[in-house]
């Protein structure tokens, strides 16, 4: 292994340099998303409302949003975990413009509205998810993830000081110049956080190529895809009020908290997301798909009642976001994001410092060689 260290170090350095800027962006954007909902409530005070005894019907909230943005389809409605939180509606216009509209669930009034640029949390999510570049950006993020996985695996191999000198590997040298101080800090911190970065990179890569991951899992275990029901257009037909669909979902699948409603097939299908009491996964949901014309059940996807392979796929997002262990693991992922940004930036600085020294030494070395030649 010792003989391979120089090769690993060279590869580690060049992969890190190639991806440094992108990994810095991923680290900073990722850490900002760990407590995204809590941060949104701080930077957007209008999202915090005064609770009352009764809530406005969900359909009335939807009607208010559609009247505010006529002709712009609603893609989903997100219901907060807090009693004093506004309901957030997400819309996408035909030209691709995205809008977010927050509605007070007790009074039915719009408390905040704006395009993507007015919602830093959503903008940061899209940077982290796809670099604001759609499917092409997602592919780049996947490649970044593979690069990070390589760095997180090779970094400890390059750093490893041996079992007898393990403590020495974490020693920070501060009295021999800034370069050595930052180099020893870079190595020690990287080795300390490597396991978390491996998990983050692996889950991130698998989420980018989730369909391919499902296909691989199907070789060894059954995997269920999410329903994609289609409902034929019925010209002139009225749609079932959303509250009736929510009530039906609770009656048939359990009266748990409503978390989302997602719309598909040009709004003809509504997926009711209720919290799942069948799983320990923090983001597990009972997803029931209804035709909005007649309220018929056209598909369901219930966390905790799915094949093992499907549950494995769904756990990816929970592991990636740190939701699996509550506040403690979310804080860990916050630290990991900050550390990734720091490692990327410090690695870039160390390379620049090293090459600058080499450039300064080059003239002296050439002069010495010429003098020796004479």
Protein backbone atom coordinates (compact mmCIF):
# COMPACT_ATOMS: atom_id res chain seq x y z
CA UNK A 1 0.00 0.00 0.00
CA UNK A 2 2.92 2.37 0.77
CA UNK A 3 4.17 2.03 -2.79
CA UNK A 4 0.76 3.12 -4.12
CA UNK A 5 0.44 6.22 -1.92
CA UNK A 6 2.21 8.58 -4.37
CA UNK A 7 -0.09 7.48 -7.19
CA UNK A 8 -3.18 7.85 -4.98
CA UNK A 9 -2.00 11.27 -3.84
CA UNK A 10 -1.52 12.46 -7.41
CA UNK A 11 -4.96 11.21 -8.47
CA UNK A 12 -6.54 12.62 -5.31
CA UNK A 13 -4.97 16.01 -5.99
CA UNK A 14 -6.04 16.24 -9.64
CA UNK A 15 -9.57 14.99 -9.09
CA UNK A 16 -9.91 17.47 -6.23
CA UNK A 17 -8.57 20.34 -8.32
CA UNK A 18 -10.88 19.51 -11.22
CA UNK A 19 -13.98 19.47 -9.02
CA UNK A 20 -12.96 21.98 -6.33
CA UNK A 21 -15.28 24.82 -7.34
CA UNK A 22 -18.27 22.54 -7.94
CA UNK A 23 -17.73 20.65 -4.68
CA UNK A 24 -17.50 23.95 -2.80
CA UNK A 25 -20.87 24.92 -4.27
CA UNK A 26 -22.34 21.51 -3.36
CA UNK A 27 -21.04 21.74 0.18
CA UNK A 28 -22.35 25.26 0.81
CA UNK A 29 -25.72 24.63 -0.86
CA UNK A 30 -26.13 21.29 0.93
CA UNK A 31 -25.46 22.74 4.36
CA UNK A 32 -27.97 25.53 3.73
CA UNK A 33 -30.68 22.95 2.99
CA UNK A 34 -30.29 20.85 6.16
CA UNK A 35 -32.47 23.26 8.16
CA UNK A 36 -34.15 24.80 5.15
CA UNK A 37 -37.67 24.96 6.59
CA UNK A 38 -36.46 26.58 9.80
CA UNK A 39 -34.35 29.09 7.85
CA UNK A 40 -37.27 29.95 5.56
CA UNK A 41 -39.37 30.88 8.59
CA UNK A 42 -36.65 33.31 9.68
CA UNK A 43 -35.93 34.99 6.35
CA UNK A 44 -39.61 35.01 5.33
CA UNK A 45 -41.53 36.09 8.49
CA UNK A 46 -44.78 36.11 6.52
CA UNK A 47 -44.68 32.29 6.53
CA UNK A 48 -45.41 32.36 10.27
CA UNK A 49 -49.14 32.95 10.80
CA UNK A 50 -51.46 33.22 13.78
CA UNK A 51 -53.31 29.90 14.36
CA UNK A 52 -57.07 29.88 14.79
CA UNK A 53 -59.55 27.22 15.80
CA UNK A 54 -60.60 26.36 12.25
CA UNK A 55 -58.72 26.07 8.97
CA UNK A 56 -59.91 27.18 5.57
CA UNK A 57 -60.76 24.23 3.27
CA UNK A 58 -57.84 23.10 1.13
CA UNK A 59 -59.84 23.64 -2.04
CA UNK A 60 -60.40 27.28 -1.05
CA UNK A 61 -56.63 27.73 -0.65
CA UNK A 62 -56.14 26.20 -4.10
CA UNK A 63 -58.81 28.49 -5.58
CA UNK A 64 -57.09 31.55 -4.11
CA UNK A 65 -53.77 30.57 -5.69
CA UNK A 66 -55.35 29.83 -9.08
CA UNK A 67 -57.15 33.18 -9.01
CA UNK A 68 -53.85 34.93 -8.19
CA UNK A 69 -52.03 33.11 -11.02
CA UNK A 70 -54.71 32.45 -13.67
CA UNK A 71 -53.70 29.82 -16.19
CA UNK A 72 -50.52 28.80 -14.33
CA UNK A 73 -50.69 25.11 -13.28
CA UNK A 74 -50.10 24.21 -9.64
CA UNK A 75 -47.65 21.31 -9.33
CA UNK A 76 -47.88 20.76 -5.59
CA UNK A 77 -49.03 22.09 -2.23
CA UNK A 78 -46.80 21.60 0.81
CA UNK A 79 -48.35 21.60 4.30
CA UNK A 80 -45.98 22.52 7.16
CA UNK A 81 -45.35 20.49 10.29
CA UNK A 82 -45.93 23.63 12.38
CA UNK A 83 -49.44 24.77 13.31
CA UNK A 84 -48.40 28.37 12.68
CA UNK A 85 -46.99 27.75 9.21
CA UNK A 86 -48.34 28.89 5.85
CA UNK A 87 -49.16 26.39 3.09
CA UNK A 88 -46.75 26.67 0.17
CA UNK A 89 -48.01 26.21 -3.39
CA UNK A 90 -45.55 25.62 -6.25
CA UNK A 91 -46.46 26.56 -9.81
CA UNK A 92 -44.70 26.25 -13.15
CA UNK A 93 -45.74 28.36 -16.14
CA UNK A 94 -45.63 27.04 -19.70
CA UNK A 95 -42.47 29.05 -20.37
CA UNK A 96 -40.75 27.30 -17.43
CA UNK A 97 -41.05 30.20 -14.97
CA UNK A 98 -41.50 28.92 -11.43
CA UNK A 99 -43.62 30.62 -8.81
CA UNK A 100 -44.10 29.96 -5.11
CA UNK A 101 -47.18 31.24 -3.31
CA UNK A 102 -47.71 30.98 0.46
CA UNK A 103 -51.26 31.03 1.84
CA UNK A 104 -52.46 31.49 5.41
CA UNK A 105 -54.42 28.25 6.09
CA UNK A 106 -56.65 29.95 8.69
CA UNK A 107 -57.70 33.00 6.67
CA UNK A 108 -57.18 31.92 3.08
CA UNK A 109 -55.13 34.98 2.18
CA UNK A 110 -51.86 35.00 0.26
CA UNK A 111 -49.06 36.09 2.59
CA UNK A 112 -46.09 35.82 0.23
CA UNK A 113 -45.70 35.36 -3.51
CA UNK A 114 -42.80 35.49 -5.91
CA UNK A 115 -40.77 33.82 -8.61
CA UNK A 116 -37.85 31.52 -7.91
CA UNK A 117 -35.46 34.44 -7.32
CA UNK A 118 -37.59 35.61 -4.37
CA UNK A 119 -37.20 32.27 -2.55
CA UNK A 120 -33.52 31.64 -1.71
CA UNK A 121 -34.25 28.23 -0.19
CA UNK A 122 -35.87 26.90 -3.37
CA UNK A 123 -33.17 28.48 -5.51
CA UNK A 124 -30.47 26.86 -3.35
CA UNK A 125 -32.20 23.48 -3.63
CA UNK A 126 -32.17 23.65 -7.42
CA UNK A 127 -28.48 24.59 -7.38
CA UNK A 128 -27.71 21.60 -5.17
CA UNK A 129 -29.95 19.27 -7.15
CA UNK A 130 -29.10 20.23 -10.73
CA UNK A 131 -26.95 23.40 -10.76
CA UNK A 132 -30.01 25.17 -12.24
CA UNK A 133 -29.33 23.27 -15.47
CA UNK A 134 -32.06 20.62 -15.55
CA UNK A 135 -31.22 17.01 -16.50
CA UNK A 136 -27.77 18.00 -17.79
CA UNK A 137 -27.02 19.62 -14.43
CA UNK A 138 -28.19 16.49 -12.60
CA UNK A 139 -25.68 14.45 -14.61
CA UNK A 140 -22.90 16.88 -13.65
CA UNK A 141 -23.94 16.56 -10.00
CA UNK A 142 -23.78 12.77 -10.35
CA UNK A 143 -20.25 13.01 -11.77
CA UNK A 144 -19.34 15.32 -8.87
CA UNK A 145 -20.67 12.68 -6.51
CA UNK A 146 -18.48 10.01 -8.07
CA UNK A 147 -15.50 12.34 -7.76
CA UNK A 148 -16.31 13.04 -4.11
CA UNK A 149 -16.63 9.31 -3.45
CA UNK A 150 -13.16 8.79 -4.94
CA UNK A 151 -11.71 11.63 -2.86
CA UNK A 152 -13.33 10.39 0.35
CA UNK A 153 -11.96 6.88 -0.20
CA UNK A 154 -8.44 7.78 -1.33
CA UNK A 155 -7.95 10.64 1.14
CA UNK A 156 -7.70 8.37 4.22
CA UNK A 157 -5.42 5.99 2.29
CA UNK A 158 -3.02 8.83 1.54
CA UNK A 159 -3.32 10.18 5.09
CA UNK A 160 -3.00 6.84 6.97
CA UNK A 161 0.05 7.15 9.30
CA UNK A 162 -0.05 3.59 10.61
CA UNK A 163 -1.65 2.21 13.75
CA UNK A 164 1.30 3.12 16.00
CA UNK A 165 1.33 6.72 14.75
CA UNK A 166 -2.42 7.24 14.57
CA UNK A 167 -2.42 10.20 16.98
CA UNK A 168 0.30 11.82 14.91
CA UNK A 169 -2.05 11.80 11.93
CA UNK A 170 -4.40 14.17 13.72
CA UNK A 171 -1.69 16.54 14.91
CA UNK A 172 -1.94 20.09 13.61
CA UNK A 173 1.48 21.66 12.93
CA UNK A 174 1.21 25.42 13.44
CA UNK A 175 4.79 26.56 13.96
CA UNK A 176 6.28 25.77 10.55
CA UNK A 177 4.45 28.09 8.20
CA UNK A 178 0.91 28.50 6.89
CA UNK A 179 1.35 25.89 4.17
CA UNK A 180 2.13 23.03 6.55
CA UNK A 181 -0.54 24.20 8.99
CA UNK A 182 -3.26 24.09 6.34
CA UNK A 183 -1.92 20.84 4.86
CA UNK A 184 -2.04 19.00 8.19
CA UNK A 185 -5.47 20.48 8.96
CA UNK A 186 -6.78 19.45 5.51
CA UNK A 187 -5.60 15.87 6.01
CA UNK A 188 -6.78 15.47 9.60
CA UNK A 189 -10.24 16.96 8.98
CA UNK A 190 -10.65 15.00 5.75
CA UNK A 191 -9.81 11.73 7.49
CA UNK A 192 -12.21 12.54 10.35
CA UNK A 193 -15.20 13.23 8.11
CA UNK A 194 -14.46 10.67 5.37
CA UNK A 195 -17.12 8.15 6.40
CA UNK A 196 -19.87 10.79 6.34
CA UNK A 197 -18.68 12.08 2.95
CA UNK A 198 -18.69 8.53 1.56
CA UNK A 199 -22.31 8.14 2.66
CA UNK A 200 -23.29 11.54 1.27
CA UNK A 201 -21.56 10.91 -2.06
CA UNK A 202 -22.96 7.38 -2.43
CA UNK A 203 -26.55 8.36 -1.69
CA UNK A 204 -26.25 11.43 -3.92
CA UNK A 205 -24.96 9.40 -6.87
CA UNK A 206 -27.65 6.75 -6.44
CA UNK A 207 -30.37 9.41 -6.36
CA UNK A 208 -29.12 10.94 -9.60
CA UNK A 209 -29.24 7.55 -11.29
CA UNK A 210 -32.18 6.17 -9.32
CA UNK A 211 -33.86 4.32 -12.25
CA UNK A 212 -30.61 2.48 -12.98
CA UNK A 213 -30.19 1.68 -9.27
CA UNK A 214 -33.72 0.24 -9.20
CA UNK A 215 -32.90 -1.96 -12.19
CA UNK A 216 -29.82 -3.32 -10.42
CA UNK A 217 -31.81 -4.02 -7.24
CA UNK A 218 -34.42 -5.90 -9.25
CA UNK A 219 -31.81 -8.57 -9.94
CA UNK A 220 -31.90 -9.60 -6.27
CA UNK A 221 -35.19 -8.29 -4.86
CA UNK A 222 -38.57 -6.96 -6.04
CA UNK A 223 -38.77 -3.20 -6.56
CA UNK A 224 -41.98 -1.23 -7.07
CA UNK A 225 -42.01 1.95 -9.13
CA UNK A 226 -44.15 4.89 -8.12
CA UNK A 227 -47.51 4.99 -9.92
CA UNK A 228 -47.83 7.29 -12.93
CA UNK A 229 -51.60 7.11 -13.50
CA UNK A 230 -53.26 8.79 -16.46
CA UNK A 231 -56.82 10.07 -16.57
CA UNK A 232 -58.50 10.97 -19.83
CA UNK A 233 -59.73 14.52 -20.21
CA UNK A 234 -63.46 14.96 -19.62
CA UNK A 235 -64.49 18.21 -21.23
CA UNK A 236 -66.96 20.19 -19.11
CA UNK A 237 -66.73 17.84 -16.12
CA UNK A 238 -66.28 19.34 -12.66
CA UNK A 239 -63.49 18.15 -10.38
CA UNK A 240 -63.91 16.68 -6.92
CA UNK A 241 -62.96 19.16 -4.16
CA UNK A 242 -59.54 18.42 -2.73
CA UNK A 243 -60.91 18.22 0.82
CA UNK A 244 -63.07 15.27 -0.20
CA UNK A 245 -60.00 13.47 -1.59
CA UNK A 246 -58.04 14.15 1.60
CA UNK A 247 -60.93 12.85 3.72
CA UNK A 248 -61.20 9.74 1.56
CA UNK A 249 -57.47 9.07 1.84
CA UNK A 250 -57.62 9.37 5.62
CA UNK A 251 -60.66 7.14 5.85
CA UNK A 252 -59.12 4.42 3.71
CA UNK A 253 -55.44 4.62 4.66
CA UNK A 254 -55.38 6.09 8.17
CA UNK A 255 -56.04 9.55 9.60
CA UNK A 256 -52.47 10.82 9.71
CA UNK A 257 -51.19 14.33 9.01
CA UNK A 258 -51.46 15.79 5.51
CA UNK A 259 -48.03 16.77 4.20
CA UNK A 260 -48.40 17.34 0.44
CA UNK A 261 -50.72 17.24 -2.52
CA UNK A 262 -49.05 16.74 -5.89
CA UNK A 263 -50.76 17.20 -9.22
CA UNK A 264 -49.92 15.32 -12.41
CA UNK A 265 -51.34 14.50 -15.83
CA UNK A 266 -52.15 18.19 -16.41
CA UNK A 267 -53.88 18.45 -13.04
CA UNK A 268 -56.25 15.54 -13.62
CA UNK A 269 -54.55 13.38 -10.96
CA UNK A 270 -54.03 14.45 -7.35
CA UNK A 271 -51.66 12.51 -5.10
CA UNK A 272 -52.49 12.92 -1.41
CA UNK A 273 -49.39 12.55 0.79
CA UNK A 274 -50.18 11.53 4.37
CA UNK A 275 -47.55 10.77 6.99
CA UNK A 276 -46.93 7.03 7.14
CA UNK A 277 -47.33 5.36 10.53
CA UNK A 278 -46.01 2.09 9.07
CA UNK A 279 -42.34 3.11 8.89
CA UNK A 280 -39.66 4.72 11.07
CA UNK A 281 -38.36 6.66 8.06
CA UNK A 282 -38.77 10.36 8.84
CA UNK A 283 -40.00 11.25 5.36
CA UNK A 284 -42.12 8.15 4.81
CA UNK A 285 -45.53 8.92 3.31
CA UNK A 286 -48.72 7.20 2.26
CA UNK A 287 -49.22 8.42 -1.30
CA UNK A 288 -52.70 7.88 -2.70
CA UNK A 289 -53.45 8.89 -6.29
CA UNK A 290 -56.99 9.97 -7.18
CA UNK A 291 -58.78 10.98 -10.34
CA UNK A 292 -59.95 14.54 -9.79
CA UNK A 293 -63.04 13.89 -11.89
CA UNK A 294 -64.66 11.17 -9.82
CA UNK A 295 -62.32 10.61 -6.85
CA UNK A 296 -61.49 7.05 -7.85
CA UNK A 297 -58.29 5.52 -6.47
CA UNK A 298 -55.93 5.15 -9.43
CA UNK A 299 -52.80 4.08 -7.54
CA UNK A 300 -51.05 4.08 -4.19
CA UNK A 301 -47.52 3.90 -2.78
CA UNK A 302 -47.37 3.39 0.99
CA UNK A 303 -44.05 3.63 2.83
CA UNK A 304 -43.64 0.73 5.23
CA UNK A 305 -45.77 -1.57 3.08
CA UNK A 306 -43.49 -1.76 0.05
CA UNK A 307 -41.00 -4.44 -1.10
CA UNK A 308 -37.57 -4.31 0.55
CA UNK A 309 -35.87 -3.08 -2.62
CA UNK A 310 -38.29 -0.17 -2.88
CA UNK A 311 -37.75 0.79 0.76
CA UNK A 312 -33.98 0.78 0.16
CA UNK A 313 -34.39 3.23 -2.71
CA UNK A 314 -36.62 5.50 -0.63
CA UNK A 315 -34.15 5.56 2.26
CA UNK A 316 -31.57 7.25 0.02
CA UNK A 317 -33.03 10.74 0.48
CA UNK A 318 -33.44 10.23 4.23
CA UNK A 319 -29.79 9.23 4.62
CA UNK A 320 -28.57 11.97 2.30
CA UNK A 321 -30.37 14.73 4.20
CA UNK A 322 -29.52 13.42 7.67
CA UNK A 323 -33.19 12.99 8.59
CA UNK A 324 -32.66 9.42 9.81
CA UNK A 325 -31.51 10.40 13.31
CA UNK A 326 -33.27 13.66 14.02
CA UNK A 327 -31.49 16.87 14.99
CA UNK A 328 -28.17 15.15 15.81
CA UNK A 329 -27.71 13.65 12.34
CA UNK A 330 -28.97 16.79 10.65
CA UNK A 331 -26.27 18.73 12.51
CA UNK A 332 -23.76 16.11 11.36
CA UNK A 333 -24.76 16.70 7.73
CA UNK A 334 -24.54 20.45 8.30
CA UNK A 335 -20.97 19.99 9.50
CA UNK A 336 -20.23 17.67 6.57
CA UNK A 337 -21.41 20.29 4.07
CA UNK A 338 -19.29 23.00 5.67
CA UNK A 339 -16.32 20.62 5.83
CA UNK A 340 -16.67 19.66 2.16
CA UNK A 341 -16.60 23.33 1.17
CA UNK A 342 -13.61 23.92 3.43
CA UNK A 343 -11.69 20.91 2.14
CA UNK A 344 -12.33 21.93 -1.48
CA UNK A 345 -11.25 25.52 -0.89
CA UNK A 346 -8.19 24.57 1.19
CA UNK A 347 -7.14 21.95 -1.35
CA UNK A 348 -7.26 24.58 -4.09
CA UNK A 349 -5.24 27.00 -1.94
CA UNK A 350 -2.63 24.33 -1.12
CA UNK A 351 -2.18 23.56 -4.81
CA UNK A 352 -1.82 27.25 -5.64
CA UNK A 353 0.68 27.74 -2.80
CA UNK A 354 2.71 24.74 -3.92
CA UNK A 355 2.86 25.78 -7.58
CA UNK A 356 3.73 29.37 -6.61
CA UNK A 357 6.72 28.15 -4.62
CA UNK A 358 7.80 25.96 -7.50
CA UNK A 359 7.66 28.91 -9.91
CA UNK A 360 9.76 31.02 -7.56
CA UNK A 361 12.36 28.28 -7.22
CA UNK A 362 12.58 27.59 -10.97
CA UNK A 363 14.80 30.60 -11.92
CA UNK A 364 17.19 29.90 -9.05
CA UNK A 365 17.38 26.23 -10.03
CA UNK A 366 18.11 27.12 -13.66
CA UNK A 367 20.81 29.59 -12.59
CA UNK A 368 22.37 26.97 -10.33
CA UNK A 369 22.32 24.40 -13.15
CA UNK A 370 23.94 26.85 -15.54
CA UNK A 371 26.59 27.68 -12.96
CA UNK A 372 27.31 24.01 -12.42
CA UNK A 373 27.58 23.55 -16.15
CA UNK A 374 30.15 26.33 -16.35
